[in-house]
Amino acid sequence: MTPIPPRTQQADSAHGTGLTARDAMHAPGPQVDDDMAVDVALSVLIGARVPHLLLQDEDGRCTGLVTRAQLATHRGGSWYSDRTRLRDIPLDRGPFTPSMAELGEAQAAMRGRTLGVSPVIDEHGYALGVLALTP
């Protein structure tokens, strides 16, 4: 896992056009390698008492987000084995929310894809935080 400190929120975007995804994001929470076993990831998720884990590749770039419900569903499948890795299960692999995306556009894109939460990434693909839709 790679802990990342929370970012401070800005009142205005760099371009003065309103709020961006970076302004509204939350701390990313735990990040784990996408080659982690599903059982281990489920234990990390439960132990950390978080609703999701961010996945990263060997270079530390964001490759997805997985929830407890997704892990439990795939763990109960007939094809599942203790060798099943996070990268082997079907889950949302992007596109993720760019940090400078206008907040309204980012939320509309998330609603269109029926996502409740989306990783916010920098220009190099590293997770900075998560953007959650509010009802």
N, C-alpha and C. Protein backbone atom coordinates (compact mmCIF):
# COMPACT_ATOMS: atom_id res chain seq x y z
N MET A 1 0.83 -1.17 0.00
CA MET A 1 0.00 0.00 0.00
C MET A 1 0.88 1.24 0.00
N THR A 2 0.38 2.26 -0.65
CA THR A 2 1.09 3.52 -0.70
C THR A 2 0.22 4.61 -0.10
N PRO A 3 0.47 5.03 1.13
CA PRO A 3 -0.34 6.10 1.70
C PRO A 3 0.02 7.43 1.06
N ILE A 4 -1.00 8.23 0.79
CA ILE A 4 -0.80 9.54 0.20
C ILE A 4 -1.52 10.55 1.09
N PRO A 5 -0.83 11.62 1.47
CA PRO A 5 -1.48 12.61 2.33
C PRO A 5 -2.60 13.32 1.60
N PRO A 6 -3.63 13.77 2.31
CA PRO A 6 -4.72 14.48 1.67
C PRO A 6 -4.26 15.81 1.08
N ARG A 7 -4.88 16.18 -0.02
CA ARG A 7 -4.59 17.45 -0.66
C ARG A 7 -5.45 18.55 -0.04
N THR A 8 -4.94 19.75 -0.08
CA THR A 8 -5.76 20.87 0.35
C THR A 8 -6.62 21.32 -0.81
N GLN A 9 -7.83 21.74 -0.51
CA GLN A 9 -8.72 22.17 -1.56
C GLN A 9 -8.53 23.65 -1.82
N GLN A 10 -8.66 24.01 -3.10
CA GLN A 10 -8.52 25.40 -3.50
C GLN A 10 -9.90 26.00 -3.68
N ALA A 11 -10.02 27.30 -3.48
CA ALA A 11 -11.30 27.96 -3.64
C ALA A 11 -11.66 28.13 -5.11
N ASP A 12 -10.68 28.39 -5.97
CA ASP A 12 -10.92 28.57 -7.39
C ASP A 12 -9.93 27.73 -8.17
N SER A 13 -10.28 27.40 -9.40
CA SER A 13 -9.36 26.65 -10.25
C SER A 13 -8.25 27.56 -10.73
N ALA A 14 -7.23 26.97 -11.31
CA ALA A 14 -6.09 27.73 -11.80
C ALA A 14 -6.50 28.68 -12.92
N HIS A 15 -7.55 28.36 -13.64
CA HIS A 15 -7.98 29.18 -14.77
C HIS A 15 -9.09 30.14 -14.39
N GLY A 16 -9.56 30.12 -13.16
CA GLY A 16 -10.61 31.03 -12.72
C GLY A 16 -11.97 30.72 -13.31
N THR A 17 -12.17 29.50 -13.81
CA THR A 17 -13.44 29.15 -14.45
C THR A 17 -14.39 28.40 -13.54
N GLY A 18 -14.07 28.28 -12.27
CA GLY A 18 -14.92 27.55 -11.35
C GLY A 18 -14.17 26.39 -10.73
N LEU A 19 -14.91 25.56 -10.04
CA LEU A 19 -14.30 24.43 -9.34
C LEU A 19 -13.87 23.34 -10.31
N THR A 20 -12.79 22.68 -9.95
CA THR A 20 -12.29 21.53 -10.72
C THR A 20 -12.45 20.27 -9.88
N ALA A 21 -12.19 19.14 -10.50
CA ALA A 21 -12.24 17.86 -9.78
C ALA A 21 -11.24 17.88 -8.62
N ARG A 22 -10.11 18.48 -8.82
CA ARG A 22 -9.09 18.55 -7.76
C ARG A 22 -9.61 19.33 -6.55
N ASP A 23 -10.41 20.37 -6.80
CA ASP A 23 -10.96 21.17 -5.71
C ASP A 23 -11.94 20.38 -4.85
N ALA A 24 -12.64 19.44 -5.46
CA ALA A 24 -13.71 18.72 -4.77
C ALA A 24 -13.33 17.30 -4.35
N MET A 25 -12.13 16.87 -4.69
CA MET A 25 -11.76 15.48 -4.40
C MET A 25 -11.48 15.27 -2.92
N HIS A 26 -11.53 14.00 -2.54
CA HIS A 26 -11.19 13.56 -1.19
C HIS A 26 -9.85 12.83 -1.25
N ALA A 27 -9.24 12.61 -0.10
CA ALA A 27 -8.00 11.84 -0.05
C ALA A 27 -8.23 10.48 -0.69
N PRO A 28 -7.23 9.95 -1.38
CA PRO A 28 -7.42 8.71 -2.13
C PRO A 28 -7.64 7.46 -1.30
N GLY A 29 -7.18 7.45 -0.08
CA GLY A 29 -7.27 6.24 0.72
C GLY A 29 -6.19 5.26 0.29
N PRO A 30 -6.30 4.02 0.73
CA PRO A 30 -5.25 3.04 0.43
C PRO A 30 -5.14 2.75 -1.06
N GLN A 31 -3.89 2.62 -1.51
CA GLN A 31 -3.61 2.21 -2.88
C GLN A 31 -2.82 0.92 -2.82
N VAL A 32 -3.22 -0.05 -3.64
CA VAL A 32 -2.56 -1.35 -3.64
C VAL A 32 -2.17 -1.70 -5.06
N ASP A 33 -1.19 -2.58 -5.18
CA ASP A 33 -0.77 -3.04 -6.49
C ASP A 33 -1.84 -3.92 -7.11
N ASP A 34 -2.02 -3.79 -8.42
CA ASP A 34 -3.06 -4.55 -9.10
C ASP A 34 -2.73 -6.04 -9.24
N ASP A 35 -1.53 -6.44 -8.82
CA ASP A 35 -1.19 -7.86 -8.82
C ASP A 35 -1.47 -8.53 -7.47
N MET A 36 -2.07 -7.79 -6.55
CA MET A 36 -2.43 -8.33 -5.24
C MET A 36 -3.56 -9.35 -5.39
N ALA A 37 -3.52 -10.40 -4.59
CA ALA A 37 -4.58 -11.42 -4.60
C ALA A 37 -5.88 -10.82 -4.07
N VAL A 38 -6.99 -11.27 -4.61
CA VAL A 38 -8.31 -10.76 -4.22
C VAL A 38 -8.53 -10.95 -2.72
N ASP A 39 -8.19 -12.10 -2.17
CA ASP A 39 -8.36 -12.35 -0.73
C ASP A 39 -7.60 -11.34 0.12
N VAL A 40 -6.37 -11.06 -0.27
CA VAL A 40 -5.55 -10.11 0.48
C VAL A 40 -6.14 -8.71 0.37
N ALA A 41 -6.57 -8.33 -0.83
CA ALA A 41 -7.17 -7.01 -1.03
C ALA A 41 -8.44 -6.85 -0.19
N LEU A 42 -9.24 -7.89 -0.12
CA LEU A 42 -10.45 -7.83 0.70
C LEU A 42 -10.08 -7.65 2.17
N SER A 43 -9.06 -8.31 2.63
CA SER A 43 -8.59 -8.15 4.01
C SER A 43 -8.09 -6.73 4.27
N VAL A 44 -7.35 -6.18 3.31
CA VAL A 44 -6.85 -4.81 3.44
C VAL A 44 -8.01 -3.83 3.51
N LEU A 45 -8.98 -4.02 2.64
CA LEU A 45 -10.15 -3.13 2.58
C LEU A 45 -10.92 -3.17 3.90
N ILE A 46 -11.14 -4.36 4.41
CA ILE A 46 -11.87 -4.51 5.67
C ILE A 46 -11.05 -3.95 6.84
N GLY A 47 -9.76 -4.27 6.87
CA GLY A 47 -8.90 -3.80 7.94
C GLY A 47 -8.75 -2.29 7.97
N ALA A 48 -8.72 -1.67 6.80
CA ALA A 48 -8.57 -0.22 6.72
C ALA A 48 -9.90 0.51 6.93
N ARG A 49 -10.99 -0.27 6.91
CA ARG A 49 -12.34 0.29 7.09
C ARG A 49 -12.63 1.41 6.09
N VAL A 50 -12.37 1.08 4.84
CA VAL A 50 -12.61 2.03 3.74
C VAL A 50 -13.57 1.39 2.74
N PRO A 51 -14.29 2.21 1.96
CA PRO A 51 -15.26 1.67 1.01
C PRO A 51 -14.65 1.16 -0.29
N HIS A 52 -13.40 1.55 -0.57
CA HIS A 52 -12.78 1.15 -1.83
C HIS A 52 -11.25 1.18 -1.71
N LEU A 53 -10.61 0.53 -2.67
CA LEU A 53 -9.16 0.58 -2.80
C LEU A 53 -8.84 1.10 -4.20
N LEU A 54 -7.81 1.92 -4.31
CA LEU A 54 -7.32 2.32 -5.62
C LEU A 54 -6.24 1.33 -6.03
N LEU A 55 -6.26 0.95 -7.28
CA LEU A 55 -5.28 0.01 -7.81
C LEU A 55 -4.22 0.76 -8.58
N GLN A 56 -2.99 0.28 -8.50
CA GLN A 56 -1.90 0.90 -9.24
C GLN A 56 -1.06 -0.17 -9.91
N ASP A 57 -0.43 0.21 -11.04
CA ASP A 57 0.44 -0.72 -11.75
C ASP A 57 1.84 -0.69 -11.14
N GLU A 58 2.77 -1.39 -11.76
CA GLU A 58 4.12 -1.48 -11.23
C GLU A 58 4.84 -0.13 -11.21
N ASP A 59 4.35 0.84 -12.01
CA ASP A 59 4.94 2.17 -12.03
C ASP A 59 4.24 3.14 -11.08
N GLY A 60 3.19 2.69 -10.40
CA GLY A 60 2.45 3.52 -9.47
C GLY A 60 1.31 4.30 -10.09
N ARG A 61 1.04 4.07 -11.39
CA ARG A 61 -0.06 4.77 -12.06
C ARG A 61 -1.39 4.07 -11.74
N CYS A 62 -2.42 4.86 -11.66
CA CYS A 62 -3.75 4.35 -11.32
C CYS A 62 -4.28 3.44 -12.42
N THR A 63 -4.75 2.26 -12.02
CA THR A 63 -5.31 1.30 -13.00
C THR A 63 -6.76 0.95 -12.70
N GLY A 64 -7.30 1.44 -11.59
CA GLY A 64 -8.69 1.14 -11.29
C GLY A 64 -9.05 1.42 -9.86
N LEU A 65 -10.29 1.12 -9.56
CA LEU A 65 -10.85 1.27 -8.22
C LEU A 65 -11.74 0.07 -7.98
N VAL A 66 -11.63 -0.53 -6.81
CA VAL A 66 -12.42 -1.72 -6.50
C VAL A 66 -13.09 -1.54 -5.14
N THR A 67 -14.33 -2.01 -5.04
CA THR A 67 -15.11 -1.91 -3.80
C THR A 67 -15.21 -3.27 -3.13
N ARG A 68 -15.67 -3.26 -1.90
CA ARG A 68 -15.87 -4.51 -1.17
C ARG A 68 -16.89 -5.40 -1.88
N ALA A 69 -17.96 -4.80 -2.37
CA ALA A 69 -18.99 -5.57 -3.08
C ALA A 69 -18.41 -6.25 -4.32
N GLN A 70 -17.57 -5.54 -5.07
CA GLN A 70 -16.96 -6.14 -6.25
C GLN A 70 -16.06 -7.32 -5.87
N LEU A 71 -15.28 -7.15 -4.83
CA LEU A 71 -14.39 -8.22 -4.40
C LEU A 71 -15.18 -9.44 -3.91
N ALA A 72 -16.21 -9.19 -3.14
CA ALA A 72 -17.02 -10.29 -2.61
C ALA A 72 -17.71 -11.04 -3.75
N THR A 73 -18.20 -10.32 -4.74
CA THR A 73 -18.86 -10.96 -5.88
C THR A 73 -17.91 -11.86 -6.63
N HIS A 74 -16.72 -11.37 -6.91
CA HIS A 74 -15.76 -12.15 -7.69
C HIS A 74 -15.15 -13.28 -6.87
N ARG A 75 -15.05 -13.09 -5.59
CA ARG A 75 -14.51 -14.14 -4.72
C ARG A 75 -15.46 -15.34 -4.66
N GLY A 76 -16.76 -15.08 -4.80
CA GLY A 76 -17.75 -16.15 -4.73
C GLY A 76 -18.00 -16.86 -6.04
N GLY A 77 -17.36 -16.42 -7.14
CA GLY A 77 -17.58 -17.04 -8.44
C GLY A 77 -16.97 -18.42 -8.55
N SER A 78 -17.55 -19.25 -9.40
CA SER A 78 -17.06 -20.63 -9.57
C SER A 78 -15.66 -20.67 -10.18
N TRP A 79 -15.27 -19.65 -10.90
CA TRP A 79 -13.96 -19.60 -11.54
C TRP A 79 -12.86 -19.11 -10.59
N TYR A 80 -13.25 -18.61 -9.44
CA TYR A 80 -12.31 -17.98 -8.52
C TYR A 80 -11.33 -18.99 -7.93
N SER A 81 -10.08 -18.57 -7.78
CA SER A 81 -9.09 -19.36 -7.04
C SER A 81 -8.29 -18.39 -6.17
N ASP A 82 -7.51 -18.91 -5.25
CA ASP A 82 -6.74 -18.03 -4.37
C ASP A 82 -5.60 -17.34 -5.12
N ARG A 83 -5.41 -17.70 -6.37
CA ARG A 83 -4.40 -17.05 -7.21
C ARG A 83 -4.97 -15.91 -8.05
N THR A 84 -6.25 -15.68 -7.94
CA THR A 84 -6.89 -14.61 -8.71
C THR A 84 -6.35 -13.26 -8.24
N ARG A 85 -5.88 -12.47 -9.17
CA ARG A 85 -5.32 -11.16 -8.89
C ARG A 85 -6.33 -10.07 -9.22
N LEU A 86 -6.17 -8.92 -8.60
CA LEU A 86 -7.07 -7.80 -8.86
C LEU A 86 -7.11 -7.44 -10.34
N ARG A 87 -5.98 -7.51 -11.01
CA ARG A 87 -5.96 -7.16 -12.43
C ARG A 87 -6.74 -8.14 -13.29
N ASP A 88 -7.07 -9.32 -12.73
CA ASP A 88 -7.78 -10.35 -13.49
C ASP A 88 -9.30 -10.23 -13.40
N ILE A 89 -9.80 -9.39 -12.50
CA ILE A 89 -11.25 -9.30 -12.35
C ILE A 89 -11.77 -8.10 -13.16
N PRO A 90 -12.97 -8.21 -13.71
CA PRO A 90 -13.52 -7.09 -14.48
C PRO A 90 -13.98 -5.97 -13.54
N LEU A 91 -13.48 -4.79 -13.78
CA LEU A 91 -13.89 -3.60 -13.04
C LEU A 91 -13.57 -2.38 -13.88
N ASP A 92 -14.02 -1.24 -13.44
CA ASP A 92 -13.82 -0.01 -14.21
C ASP A 92 -12.33 0.31 -14.30
N ARG A 93 -11.85 0.43 -15.52
CA ARG A 93 -10.43 0.72 -15.76
C ARG A 93 -10.24 2.10 -16.39
N GLY A 94 -11.25 2.94 -16.29
CA GLY A 94 -11.12 4.30 -16.80
C GLY A 94 -11.98 4.53 -18.02
N PRO A 95 -11.97 5.69 -18.57
CA PRO A 95 -11.03 6.75 -18.23
C PRO A 95 -11.35 7.34 -16.86
N PHE A 96 -10.31 7.82 -16.21
CA PHE A 96 -10.45 8.41 -14.89
C PHE A 96 -10.61 9.91 -15.01
N THR A 97 -10.90 10.55 -13.90
CA THR A 97 -11.18 11.98 -13.90
C THR A 97 -9.88 12.78 -13.83
N PRO A 98 -9.61 13.60 -14.85
CA PRO A 98 -8.41 14.46 -14.78
C PRO A 98 -8.57 15.50 -13.68
N SER A 99 -7.50 15.82 -13.01
CA SER A 99 -7.58 16.75 -11.87
C SER A 99 -8.07 18.14 -12.27
N MET A 100 -7.81 18.57 -13.48
CA MET A 100 -8.22 19.91 -13.90
C MET A 100 -9.56 19.92 -14.63
N ALA A 101 -10.26 18.79 -14.66
CA ALA A 101 -11.58 18.75 -15.29
C ALA A 101 -12.54 19.63 -14.51
N GLU A 102 -13.39 20.35 -15.24
CA GLU A 102 -14.41 21.17 -14.58
C GLU A 102 -15.31 20.23 -13.77
N LEU A 103 -15.65 20.62 -12.57
CA LEU A 103 -16.40 19.77 -11.66
C LEU A 103 -17.72 19.30 -12.25
N GLY A 104 -18.48 20.20 -12.84
CA GLY A 104 -19.77 19.83 -13.43
C GLY A 104 -19.63 18.80 -14.54
N GLU A 105 -18.63 18.96 -15.39
CA GLU A 105 -18.40 18.01 -16.47
C GLU A 105 -17.96 16.65 -15.92
N ALA A 106 -17.11 16.67 -14.91
CA ALA A 106 -16.64 15.42 -14.30
C ALA A 106 -17.81 14.67 -13.67
N GLN A 107 -18.67 15.39 -12.97
CA GLN A 107 -19.83 14.73 -12.35
C GLN A 107 -20.79 14.20 -13.40
N ALA A 108 -21.00 14.93 -14.48
CA ALA A 108 -21.88 14.46 -15.56
C ALA A 108 -21.32 13.19 -16.19
N ALA A 109 -20.01 13.15 -16.40
CA ALA A 109 -19.38 11.95 -16.97
C ALA A 109 -19.54 10.76 -16.03
N MET A 110 -19.41 10.99 -14.73
CA MET A 110 -19.57 9.91 -13.76
C MET A 110 -21.01 9.40 -13.76
N ARG A 111 -21.97 10.30 -13.82
CA ARG A 111 -23.38 9.88 -13.86
C ARG A 111 -23.66 9.08 -15.13
N GLY A 112 -23.10 9.52 -16.24
CA GLY A 112 -23.29 8.81 -17.50
C GLY A 112 -22.74 7.40 -17.47
N ARG A 113 -21.71 7.18 -16.70
CA ARG A 113 -21.10 5.85 -16.58
C ARG A 113 -21.58 5.13 -15.32
N THR A 114 -22.54 5.70 -14.62
CA THR A 114 -23.10 5.18 -13.37
C THR A 114 -22.03 4.86 -12.33
N LEU A 115 -21.12 5.80 -12.15
CA LEU A 115 -20.07 5.67 -11.15
C LEU A 115 -20.40 6.53 -9.95
N GLY A 116 -20.28 5.98 -8.77
CA GLY A 116 -20.47 6.76 -7.55
C GLY A 116 -19.20 7.44 -7.10
N VAL A 117 -18.07 6.89 -7.52
CA VAL A 117 -16.77 7.43 -7.14
C VAL A 117 -15.79 7.16 -8.29
N SER A 118 -14.88 8.10 -8.51
CA SER A 118 -13.91 7.98 -9.60
C SER A 118 -12.55 8.48 -9.12
N PRO A 119 -11.48 7.78 -9.49
CA PRO A 119 -10.15 8.29 -9.18
C PRO A 119 -9.89 9.61 -9.90
N VAL A 120 -9.24 10.54 -9.22
CA VAL A 120 -8.79 11.79 -9.83
C VAL A 120 -7.30 11.64 -10.06
N ILE A 121 -6.89 11.82 -11.32
CA ILE A 121 -5.48 11.58 -11.67
C ILE A 121 -4.81 12.85 -12.17
N ASP A 122 -3.49 12.87 -12.06
CA ASP A 122 -2.72 13.97 -12.63
C ASP A 122 -2.43 13.68 -14.10
N GLU A 123 -1.67 14.55 -14.74
CA GLU A 123 -1.40 14.40 -16.17
C GLU A 123 -0.55 13.17 -16.51
N HIS A 124 0.05 12.55 -15.52
CA HIS A 124 0.87 11.36 -15.75
C HIS A 124 0.17 10.06 -15.38
N GLY A 125 -1.07 10.16 -14.87
CA GLY A 125 -1.84 8.97 -14.53
C GLY A 125 -1.74 8.53 -13.09
N TYR A 126 -1.14 9.33 -12.23
CA TYR A 126 -1.03 8.99 -10.81
C TYR A 126 -2.25 9.51 -10.06
N ALA A 127 -2.79 8.69 -9.16
CA ALA A 127 -3.97 9.08 -8.41
C ALA A 127 -3.65 10.15 -7.37
N LEU A 128 -4.45 11.21 -7.40
CA LEU A 128 -4.31 12.30 -6.43
C LEU A 128 -5.37 12.22 -5.35
N GLY A 129 -6.50 11.62 -5.70
CA GLY A 129 -7.62 11.54 -4.79
C GLY A 129 -8.79 10.85 -5.46
N VAL A 130 -9.96 10.98 -4.88
CA VAL A 130 -11.18 10.41 -5.47
C VAL A 130 -12.28 11.46 -5.45
N LEU A 131 -13.11 11.42 -6.47
CA LEU A 131 -14.27 12.30 -6.58
C LEU A 131 -15.49 11.46 -6.36
N ALA A 132 -16.32 11.84 -5.40
CA ALA A 132 -17.54 11.10 -5.10
C ALA A 132 -18.75 11.95 -5.45
N LEU A 133 -19.75 11.32 -6.06
CA LEU A 133 -20.99 12.02 -6.35
C LEU A 133 -21.80 12.14 -5.07
N THR A 134 -22.46 13.25 -4.93
CA THR A 134 -23.36 13.44 -3.81
C THR A 134 -24.78 13.42 -4.34
N PRO A 135 -25.72 12.84 -3.57
CA PRO A 135 -27.09 12.74 -4.06
C PRO A 135 -27.76 14.07 -4.26
